[in-house]
């Protein structure tokens, strides 16, 4: 009969948090522990992938590994994320630094993710670029310069009082969520509404063009229920591209 192994708690690590340097040492120690736990997760995911590729693998083994992912690996990742957030506050207690980094992440997602991609989720696309950064083409650079120039001349002074909530998905607003924010925060045909829509787009809070948002705003205004919360564009061949339509909309709003 096999010997049962019993698990014991991790040995206590003496705290040195009585001084500033001691708290930094504790934080760095926590950072290295999180690094080791990430390595554990990586090893287990590698084993799980190998098991899925094995055509002779037993269904019970696959089910066991699936439960391990759900009950152990995912909670471990949640704890590591929380640890990283706490360490950021401890090692760099700078006001609004987290909000600034979150805004940069939304901009990164807006620049990198193609939401029309059917086989790669937004998370996979971001991770793929993190592992192997894509070299920007001349067209990408020109487009980025154009967006930067336009953004630098854009004034959001009249909508600074609008407090944008964190997207429910953690990445960007769904259709109903975005429309509710726009309608409750601004008046129809006001300059503030146009500025808010541009802000949502430029900060990567909605994965679409202004024309798509105006389409859903018109649906809501007419009393129709927006049933699908995913951003999708459907229809036949376009007569004008989004840039041309956005130019016309800008002229009407300004």
C-alpha atoms as a PDB file:
ATOM      1  CA  UNK A   1       0.000   0.000   0.000  1.00  0.00           C
ATOM      2  CA  UNK A   2       1.541   3.362  -0.984  1.00  0.00           C
ATOM      3  CA  UNK A   3       2.557   5.724   1.763  1.00  0.00           C
ATOM      4  CA  UNK A   4       0.362   8.802   1.981  1.00  0.00           C
ATOM      5  CA  UNK A   5       2.217  12.091   1.811  1.00  0.00           C
ATOM      6  CA  UNK A   6       1.079  14.837   4.116  1.00  0.00           C
ATOM      7  CA  UNK A   7       1.457  18.495   3.247  1.00  0.00           C
ATOM      8  CA  UNK A   8       2.793  20.983   5.718  1.00  0.00           C
ATOM      9  CA  UNK A   9       2.634  24.733   5.768  1.00  0.00           C
ATOM     10  CA  UNK A  10       5.560  26.733   4.437  1.00  0.00           C
ATOM     11  CA  UNK A  11       8.222  27.424   7.082  1.00  0.00           C
ATOM     12  CA  UNK A  12       7.738  30.836   8.665  1.00  0.00           C
ATOM     13  CA  UNK A  13      10.050  33.506   7.327  1.00  0.00           C
ATOM     14  CA  UNK A  14      11.171  36.078   9.894  1.00  0.00           C
ATOM     15  CA  UNK A  15       9.795  39.531   9.117  1.00  0.00           C
ATOM     16  CA  UNK A  16      12.030  42.573   8.953  1.00  0.00           C
ATOM     17  CA  UNK A  17       9.228  45.080   8.380  1.00  0.00           C
ATOM     18  CA  UNK A  18      10.136  47.356  11.302  1.00  0.00           C
ATOM     19  CA  UNK A  19      12.196  49.645   9.068  1.00  0.00           C
ATOM     20  CA  UNK A  20      11.860  50.994   5.526  1.00  0.00           C
ATOM     21  CA  UNK A  21      14.759  48.890   4.284  1.00  0.00           C
ATOM     22  CA  UNK A  22      13.300  45.898   6.100  1.00  0.00           C
ATOM     23  CA  UNK A  23       9.954  46.332   4.332  1.00  0.00           C
ATOM     24  CA  UNK A  24      11.769  46.498   1.010  1.00  0.00           C
ATOM     25  CA  UNK A  25      13.593  43.251   1.831  1.00  0.00           C
ATOM     26  CA  UNK A  26      10.262  41.587   2.668  1.00  0.00           C
ATOM     27  CA  UNK A  27       8.772  42.864  -0.599  1.00  0.00           C
ATOM     28  CA  UNK A  28      11.671  41.541  -2.658  1.00  0.00           C
ATOM     29  CA  UNK A  29      11.397  38.208  -0.849  1.00  0.00           C
ATOM     30  CA  UNK A  30       7.685  38.081  -1.759  1.00  0.00           C
ATOM     31  CA  UNK A  31       8.584  38.967  -5.350  1.00  0.00           C
ATOM     32  CA  UNK A  32      10.983  36.026  -5.607  1.00  0.00           C
ATOM     33  CA  UNK A  33       8.428  33.676  -4.067  1.00  0.00           C
ATOM     34  CA  UNK A  34       5.915  34.807  -6.700  1.00  0.00           C
ATOM     35  CA  UNK A  35       8.567  34.119  -9.353  1.00  0.00           C
ATOM     36  CA  UNK A  36       8.960  30.549  -8.084  1.00  0.00           C
ATOM     37  CA  UNK A  37       5.201  30.027  -8.030  1.00  0.00           C
ATOM     38  CA  UNK A  38       4.953  31.262 -11.626  1.00  0.00           C
ATOM     39  CA  UNK A  39       7.582  28.710 -12.545  1.00  0.00           C
ATOM     40  CA  UNK A  40       5.439  26.018 -10.858  1.00  0.00           C
ATOM     41  CA  UNK A  41       2.439  27.134 -12.912  1.00  0.00           C
ATOM     42  CA  UNK A  42       4.501  27.100 -16.111  1.00  0.00           C
ATOM     43  CA  UNK A  43       5.706  23.554 -15.437  1.00  0.00           C
ATOM     44  CA  UNK A  44       2.175  22.302 -14.724  1.00  0.00           C
ATOM     45  CA  UNK A  45       0.757  23.975 -17.842  1.00  0.00           C
ATOM     46  CA  UNK A  46       3.549  22.405 -19.903  1.00  0.00           C
ATOM     47  CA  UNK A  47       2.659  18.977 -18.521  1.00  0.00           C
ATOM     48  CA  UNK A  48      -1.028  19.596 -19.209  1.00  0.00           C
ATOM     49  CA  UNK A  49      -0.342  20.547 -22.837  1.00  0.00           C
ATOM     50  CA  UNK A  50       1.793  17.418 -23.298  1.00  0.00           C
ATOM     51  CA  UNK A  51      -1.018  15.317 -21.863  1.00  0.00           C
ATOM     52  CA  UNK A  52      -3.551  16.836 -24.267  1.00  0.00           C
ATOM     53  CA  UNK A  53      -1.239  16.090 -27.200  1.00  0.00           C
ATOM     54  CA  UNK A  54      -0.831  12.469 -26.135  1.00  0.00           C
ATOM     55  CA  UNK A  55      -3.378  10.464 -28.140  1.00  0.00           C
ATOM     56  CA  UNK A  56      -3.043   7.531 -25.734  1.00  0.00           C
ATOM     57  CA  UNK A  57      -3.717   9.641 -22.634  1.00  0.00           C
ATOM     58  CA  UNK A  58      -6.482   8.344 -20.404  1.00  0.00           C
ATOM     59  CA  UNK A  59      -9.582  10.443 -19.957  1.00  0.00           C
ATOM     60  CA  UNK A  60      -9.262  10.209 -16.173  1.00  0.00           C
ATOM     61  CA  UNK A  61      -5.755  11.703 -16.325  1.00  0.00           C
ATOM     62  CA  UNK A  62      -7.004  14.584 -18.478  1.00  0.00           C
ATOM     63  CA  UNK A  63      -9.900  15.212 -16.105  1.00  0.00           C
ATOM     64  CA  UNK A  64      -7.530  15.217 -13.132  1.00  0.00           C
ATOM     65  CA  UNK A  65      -5.220  17.733 -14.800  1.00  0.00           C
ATOM     66  CA  UNK A  66      -8.202  19.900 -15.746  1.00  0.00           C
ATOM     67  CA  UNK A  67      -9.315  19.980 -12.113  1.00  0.00           C
ATOM     68  CA  UNK A  68      -5.773  20.920 -11.073  1.00  0.00           C
ATOM     69  CA  UNK A  69      -5.853  23.853 -13.471  1.00  0.00           C
ATOM     70  CA  UNK A  70      -9.250  25.038 -12.211  1.00  0.00           C
ATOM     71  CA  UNK A  71      -8.702  24.469  -8.486  1.00  0.00           C
ATOM     72  CA  UNK A  72      -4.990  25.191  -8.094  1.00  0.00           C
ATOM     73  CA  UNK A  73      -3.324  26.944 -11.035  1.00  0.00           C
ATOM     74  CA  UNK A  74      -5.950  29.624 -11.664  1.00  0.00           C
ATOM     75  CA  UNK A  75      -6.289  30.538  -7.952  1.00  0.00           C
ATOM     76  CA  UNK A  76      -2.475  30.610  -7.716  1.00  0.00           C
ATOM     77  CA  UNK A  77      -2.330  33.060 -10.628  1.00  0.00           C
ATOM     78  CA  UNK A  78      -4.982  35.231  -8.957  1.00  0.00           C
ATOM     79  CA  UNK A  79      -2.891  35.323  -5.789  1.00  0.00           C
ATOM     80  CA  UNK A  80       0.281  36.150  -7.727  1.00  0.00           C
ATOM     81  CA  UNK A  81      -1.510  39.031  -9.478  1.00  0.00           C
ATOM     82  CA  UNK A  82      -2.672  40.371  -6.104  1.00  0.00           C
ATOM     83  CA  UNK A  83       0.867  40.004  -4.743  1.00  0.00           C
ATOM     84  CA  UNK A  84       2.258  41.967  -7.688  1.00  0.00           C
ATOM     85  CA  UNK A  85      -0.273  44.765  -7.122  1.00  0.00           C
ATOM     86  CA  UNK A  86       0.639  44.980  -3.424  1.00  0.00           C
ATOM     87  CA  UNK A  87       4.362  44.958  -4.206  1.00  0.00           C
ATOM     88  CA  UNK A  88       3.875  47.802  -6.668  1.00  0.00           C
ATOM     89  CA  UNK A  89       2.329  49.904  -3.902  1.00  0.00           C
ATOM     90  CA  UNK A  90       5.122  48.996  -1.474  1.00  0.00           C
ATOM     91  CA  UNK A  91       8.164  49.385  -3.735  1.00  0.00           C
ATOM     92  CA  UNK A  92       6.882  52.448  -5.629  1.00  0.00           C
ATOM     93  CA  UNK A  93       4.287  54.274  -3.486  1.00  0.00           C
ATOM     94  CA  UNK A  94       3.679  56.976  -6.082  1.00  0.00           C
ATOM     95  CA  UNK A  95       0.184  58.532  -6.271  1.00  0.00           C
ATOM     96  CA  UNK A  96      -1.795  57.579  -9.382  1.00  0.00           C
ATOM     97  CA  UNK A  97       1.025  55.346 -10.666  1.00  0.00           C
ATOM     98  CA  UNK A  98      -1.278  52.317 -10.938  1.00  0.00           C
ATOM     99  CA  UNK A  99      -3.885  54.354 -12.851  1.00  0.00           C
ATOM    100  CA  UNK A 100      -1.167  55.601 -15.220  1.00  0.00           C
ATOM    101  CA  UNK A 101       0.095  52.067 -15.841  1.00  0.00           C
ATOM    102  CA  UNK A 102      -3.475  50.833 -16.413  1.00  0.00           C
ATOM    103  CA  UNK A 103      -4.006  53.593 -18.985  1.00  0.00           C
ATOM    104  CA  UNK A 104      -0.773  52.585 -20.740  1.00  0.00           C
ATOM    105  CA  UNK A 105      -1.967  48.976 -20.811  1.00  0.00           C
ATOM    106  CA  UNK A 106      -5.259  50.001 -22.407  1.00  0.00           C
ATOM    107  CA  UNK A 107      -3.322  51.941 -25.035  1.00  0.00           C
ATOM    108  CA  UNK A 108      -1.078  48.918 -25.628  1.00  0.00           C
ATOM    109  CA  UNK A 109      -4.136  46.703 -26.142  1.00  0.00           C
ATOM    110  CA  UNK A 110      -5.659  49.242 -28.531  1.00  0.00           C
ATOM    111  CA  UNK A 111      -2.475  49.287 -30.598  1.00  0.00           C
ATOM    112  CA  UNK A 112      -1.860  45.532 -30.619  1.00  0.00           C
ATOM    113  CA  UNK A 113      -5.190  43.726 -30.627  1.00  0.00           C
ATOM    114  CA  UNK A 114      -7.223  42.973 -33.715  1.00  0.00           C
ATOM    115  CA  UNK A 115     -10.690  42.108 -32.378  1.00  0.00           C
ATOM    116  CA  UNK A 116     -11.707  40.697 -35.761  1.00  0.00           C
ATOM    117  CA  UNK A 117      -9.281  37.819 -35.280  1.00  0.00           C
ATOM    118  CA  UNK A 118     -11.332  34.649 -34.880  1.00  0.00           C
ATOM    119  CA  UNK A 119      -8.641  32.217 -33.720  1.00  0.00           C
ATOM    120  CA  UNK A 120      -6.675  34.370 -31.267  1.00  0.00           C
ATOM    121  CA  UNK A 121      -8.223  36.105 -28.294  1.00  0.00           C
ATOM    122  CA  UNK A 122      -7.134  39.569 -27.201  1.00  0.00           C
ATOM    123  CA  UNK A 123      -5.136  38.030 -24.347  1.00  0.00           C
ATOM    124  CA  UNK A 124      -3.299  35.660 -26.683  1.00  0.00           C
ATOM    125  CA  UNK A 125      -2.428  38.479 -29.084  1.00  0.00           C
ATOM    126  CA  UNK A 126      -1.017  40.622 -26.269  1.00  0.00           C
ATOM    127  CA  UNK A 127       0.962  37.709 -24.834  1.00  0.00           C
ATOM    128  CA  UNK A 128       2.283  36.789 -28.274  1.00  0.00           C
ATOM    129  CA  UNK A 129       3.580  40.316 -28.751  1.00  0.00           C
ATOM    130  CA  UNK A 130       5.038  40.241 -25.225  1.00  0.00           C
ATOM    131  CA  UNK A 131       7.014  37.095 -26.072  1.00  0.00           C
ATOM    132  CA  UNK A 132       8.000  38.165 -29.602  1.00  0.00           C
ATOM    133  CA  UNK A 133       7.432  41.897 -30.155  1.00  0.00           C
ATOM    134  CA  UNK A 134       6.388  42.673 -33.715  1.00  0.00           C
ATOM    135  CA  UNK A 135       8.495  45.156 -35.641  1.00  0.00           C
ATOM    136  CA  UNK A 136       6.344  48.156 -36.582  1.00  0.00           C
ATOM    137  CA  UNK A 137       6.016  48.796 -40.299  1.00  0.00           C
ATOM    138  CA  UNK A 138       6.317  52.192 -41.962  1.00  0.00           C
ATOM    139  CA  UNK A 139       2.509  52.324 -42.226  1.00  0.00           C
ATOM    140  CA  UNK A 140       2.125  51.570 -38.511  1.00  0.00           C
ATOM    141  CA  UNK A 141       4.595  54.311 -37.604  1.00  0.00           C
ATOM    142  CA  UNK A 142       2.814  56.861 -39.799  1.00  0.00           C
ATOM    143  CA  UNK A 143      -0.549  55.896 -38.335  1.00  0.00           C
ATOM    144  CA  UNK A 144       0.826  56.132 -34.802  1.00  0.00           C
ATOM    145  CA  UNK A 145       2.286  59.597 -35.469  1.00  0.00           C
ATOM    146  CA  UNK A 146      -1.063  60.733 -36.866  1.00  0.00           C
ATOM    147  CA  UNK A 147      -2.927  59.481 -33.782  1.00  0.00           C
ATOM    148  CA  UNK A 148      -0.359  61.045 -31.455  1.00  0.00           C
ATOM    149  CA  UNK A 149      -0.613  64.419 -33.195  1.00  0.00           C
ATOM    150  CA  UNK A 150      -4.387  64.356 -33.100  1.00  0.00           C
ATOM    151  CA  UNK A 151      -4.445  63.253 -29.469  1.00  0.00           C
ATOM    152  CA  UNK A 152      -2.014  65.981 -28.401  1.00  0.00           C
ATOM    153  CA  UNK A 153      -4.246  68.674 -29.887  1.00  0.00           C
ATOM    154  CA  UNK A 154      -7.409  67.197 -28.422  1.00  0.00           C
ATOM    155  CA  UNK A 155      -8.878  68.949 -25.383  1.00  0.00           C
ATOM    156  CA  UNK A 156     -10.767  66.975 -22.782  1.00  0.00           C
ATOM    157  CA  UNK A 157     -11.030  69.793 -20.244  1.00  0.00           C
ATOM    158  CA  UNK A 158     -14.851  69.810 -20.305  1.00  0.00           C
ATOM    159  CA  UNK A 159     -15.198  66.097 -19.558  1.00  0.00           C
ATOM    160  CA  UNK A 160     -12.632  65.779 -16.766  1.00  0.00           C
ATOM    161  CA  UNK A 161     -15.499  65.590 -14.260  1.00  0.00           C
ATOM    162  CA  UNK A 162     -16.711  62.326 -15.816  1.00  0.00           C
ATOM    163  CA  UNK A 163     -15.481  59.386 -13.735  1.00  0.00           C
ATOM    164  CA  UNK A 164     -15.116  56.372 -16.016  1.00  0.00           C
ATOM    165  CA  UNK A 165     -15.701  53.069 -14.200  1.00  0.00           C
ATOM    166  CA  UNK A 166     -13.457  50.049 -14.681  1.00  0.00           C
ATOM    167  CA  UNK A 167     -14.735  47.897 -17.588  1.00  0.00           C
ATOM    168  CA  UNK A 168     -16.597  44.809 -16.404  1.00  0.00           C
ATOM    169  CA  UNK A 169     -14.449  42.643 -18.684  1.00  0.00           C
ATOM    170  CA  UNK A 170     -11.298  44.256 -17.328  1.00  0.00           C
ATOM    171  CA  UNK A 171     -10.191  45.256 -20.826  1.00  0.00           C
ATOM    172  CA  UNK A 172     -12.858  47.303 -22.601  1.00  0.00           C
ATOM    173  CA  UNK A 173     -16.525  48.220 -22.264  1.00  0.00           C
ATOM    174  CA  UNK A 174     -19.254  46.078 -23.768  1.00  0.00           C
ATOM    175  CA  UNK A 175     -21.778  47.722 -26.109  1.00  0.00           C
ATOM    176  CA  UNK A 176     -24.532  48.277 -23.525  1.00  0.00           C
ATOM    177  CA  UNK A 177     -22.022  49.399 -20.893  1.00  0.00           C
ATOM    178  CA  UNK A 178     -20.427  51.995 -23.192  1.00  0.00           C
ATOM    179  CA  UNK A 179     -23.747  53.344 -24.473  1.00  0.00           C
ATOM    180  CA  UNK A 180     -25.059  53.707 -20.897  1.00  0.00           C
ATOM    181  CA  UNK A 181     -21.951  55.688 -19.884  1.00  0.00           C
ATOM    182  CA  UNK A 182     -22.165  57.998 -22.903  1.00  0.00           C
ATOM    183  CA  UNK A 183     -25.906  58.653 -22.558  1.00  0.00           C
ATOM    184  CA  UNK A 184     -25.793  59.241 -18.805  1.00  0.00           C
ATOM    185  CA  UNK A 185     -22.703  61.486 -18.894  1.00  0.00           C
ATOM    186  CA  UNK A 186     -23.337  63.767 -21.879  1.00  0.00           C
ATOM    187  CA  UNK A 187     -26.141  65.436 -23.802  1.00  0.00           C
ATOM    188  CA  UNK A 188     -27.069  64.447 -27.333  1.00  0.00           C
ATOM    189  CA  UNK A 189     -25.275  66.408 -30.105  1.00  0.00           C
ATOM    190  CA  UNK A 190     -23.013  68.130 -27.546  1.00  0.00           C
ATOM    191  CA  UNK A 191     -19.298  68.650 -28.027  1.00  0.00           C
ATOM    192  CA  UNK A 192     -18.743  66.866 -24.735  1.00  0.00           C
ATOM    193  CA  UNK A 193     -20.323  63.702 -26.162  1.00  0.00           C
ATOM    194  CA  UNK A 194     -18.006  63.765 -29.146  1.00  0.00           C
ATOM    195  CA  UNK A 195     -14.986  64.294 -26.891  1.00  0.00           C
ATOM    196  CA  UNK A 196     -16.036  61.470 -24.590  1.00  0.00           C
ATOM    197  CA  UNK A 197     -16.443  59.080 -27.525  1.00  0.00           C
ATOM    198  CA  UNK A 198     -12.988  59.995 -28.844  1.00  0.00           C
ATOM    199  CA  UNK A 199     -11.539  59.530 -25.357  1.00  0.00           C
ATOM    200  CA  UNK A 200     -13.046  56.049 -25.056  1.00  0.00           C
ATOM    201  CA  UNK A 201     -11.600  55.061 -28.427  1.00  0.00           C
ATOM    202  CA  UNK A 202      -8.153  56.574 -27.938  1.00  0.00           C
ATOM    203  CA  UNK A 203      -7.728  54.991 -24.493  1.00  0.00           C
ATOM    204  CA  UNK A 204      -8.732  51.573 -25.824  1.00  0.00           C
ATOM    205  CA  UNK A 205     -11.909  51.386 -23.743  1.00  0.00           C
ATOM    206  CA  UNK A 206     -13.988  50.443 -26.794  1.00  0.00           C
ATOM    207  CA  UNK A 207     -12.665  48.298 -29.691  1.00  0.00           C
ATOM    208  CA  UNK A 208     -14.455  50.115 -32.490  1.00  0.00           C
ATOM    209  CA  UNK A 209     -14.794  53.273 -34.557  1.00  0.00           C
ATOM    210  CA  UNK A 210     -16.954  56.282 -33.781  1.00  0.00           C
ATOM    211  CA  UNK A 211     -19.396  55.307 -36.507  1.00  0.00           C
ATOM    212  CA  UNK A 212     -20.133  52.032 -34.697  1.00  0.00           C
ATOM    213  CA  UNK A 213     -20.813  53.858 -31.431  1.00  0.00           C
ATOM    214  CA  UNK A 214     -23.130  56.337 -33.195  1.00  0.00           C
ATOM    215  CA  UNK A 215     -25.000  53.398 -34.728  1.00  0.00           C
ATOM    216  CA  UNK A 216     -25.725  51.936 -31.293  1.00  0.00           C
ATOM    217  CA  UNK A 217     -26.578  55.372 -29.887  1.00  0.00           C
ATOM    218  CA  UNK A 218     -29.183  55.771 -32.631  1.00  0.00           C
ATOM    219  CA  UNK A 219     -30.594  52.323 -31.843  1.00  0.00           C
ATOM    220  CA  UNK A 220     -30.884  53.237 -28.173  1.00  0.00           C
ATOM    221  CA  UNK A 221     -32.456  56.609 -29.016  1.00  0.00           C
ATOM    222  CA  UNK A 222     -35.114  54.905 -31.133  1.00  0.00           C
ATOM    223  CA  UNK A 223     -36.079  52.723 -28.176  1.00  0.00           C
ATOM    224  CA  UNK A 224     -34.710  49.486 -29.599  1.00  0.00           C
ATOM    225  CA  UNK A 225     -33.064  46.984 -27.250  1.00  0.00           C
ATOM    226  CA  UNK A 226     -29.380  46.311 -27.820  1.00  0.00           C
ATOM    227  CA  UNK A 227     -29.350  42.536 -27.433  1.00  0.00           C
ATOM    228  CA  UNK A 228     -25.737  41.749 -28.373  1.00  0.00           C
ATOM    229  CA  UNK A 229     -23.086  43.134 -26.020  1.00  0.00           C
ATOM    230  CA  UNK A 230     -20.189  42.248 -28.337  1.00  0.00           C
ATOM    231  CA  UNK A 231     -18.746  44.814 -30.733  1.00  0.00           C
ATOM    232  CA  UNK A 232     -19.405  43.529 -34.243  1.00  0.00           C
ATOM    233  CA  UNK A 233     -19.641  45.140 -37.636  1.00  0.00           C
ATOM    234  CA  UNK A 234     -21.867  43.545 -40.230  1.00  0.00           C
ATOM    235  CA  UNK A 235     -23.172  44.541 -43.633  1.00  0.00           C
ATOM    236  CA  UNK A 236     -22.223  44.673 -47.280  1.00  0.00           C
ATOM    237  CA  UNK A 237     -19.372  46.377 -49.039  1.00  0.00           C
ATOM    238  CA  UNK A 238     -18.523  49.783 -47.644  1.00  0.00           C
ATOM    239  CA  UNK A 239     -18.874  52.845 -49.879  1.00  0.00           C
ATOM    240  CA  UNK A 240     -16.698  54.992 -47.607  1.00  0.00           C
ATOM    241  CA  UNK A 241     -14.067  53.794 -45.156  1.00  0.00           C
ATOM    242  CA  UNK A 242     -14.143  54.591 -41.423  1.00  0.00           C
ATOM    243  CA  UNK A 243     -11.580  57.404 -41.693  1.00  0.00           C
ATOM    244  CA  UNK A 244     -13.718  59.274 -44.236  1.00  0.00           C
ATOM    245  CA  UNK A 245     -16.863  58.873 -42.136  1.00  0.00           C
ATOM    246  CA  UNK A 246     -15.022  59.929 -38.960  1.00  0.00           C
ATOM    247  CA  UNK A 247     -13.880  63.099 -40.715  1.00  0.00           C
ATOM    248  CA  UNK A 248     -17.496  63.936 -41.585  1.00  0.00           C
ATOM    249  CA  UNK A 249     -18.664  63.191 -38.023  1.00  0.00           C
ATOM    250  CA  UNK A 250     -15.898  65.401 -36.604  1.00  0.00           C
ATOM    251  CA  UNK A 251     -17.018  68.254 -38.811  1.00  0.00           C
ATOM    252  CA  UNK A 252     -20.630  67.894 -37.667  1.00  0.00           C
ATOM    253  CA  UNK A 253     -19.651  67.770 -33.987  1.00  0.00           C
ATOM    254  CA  UNK A 254     -17.267  70.714 -34.110  1.00  0.00           C
END
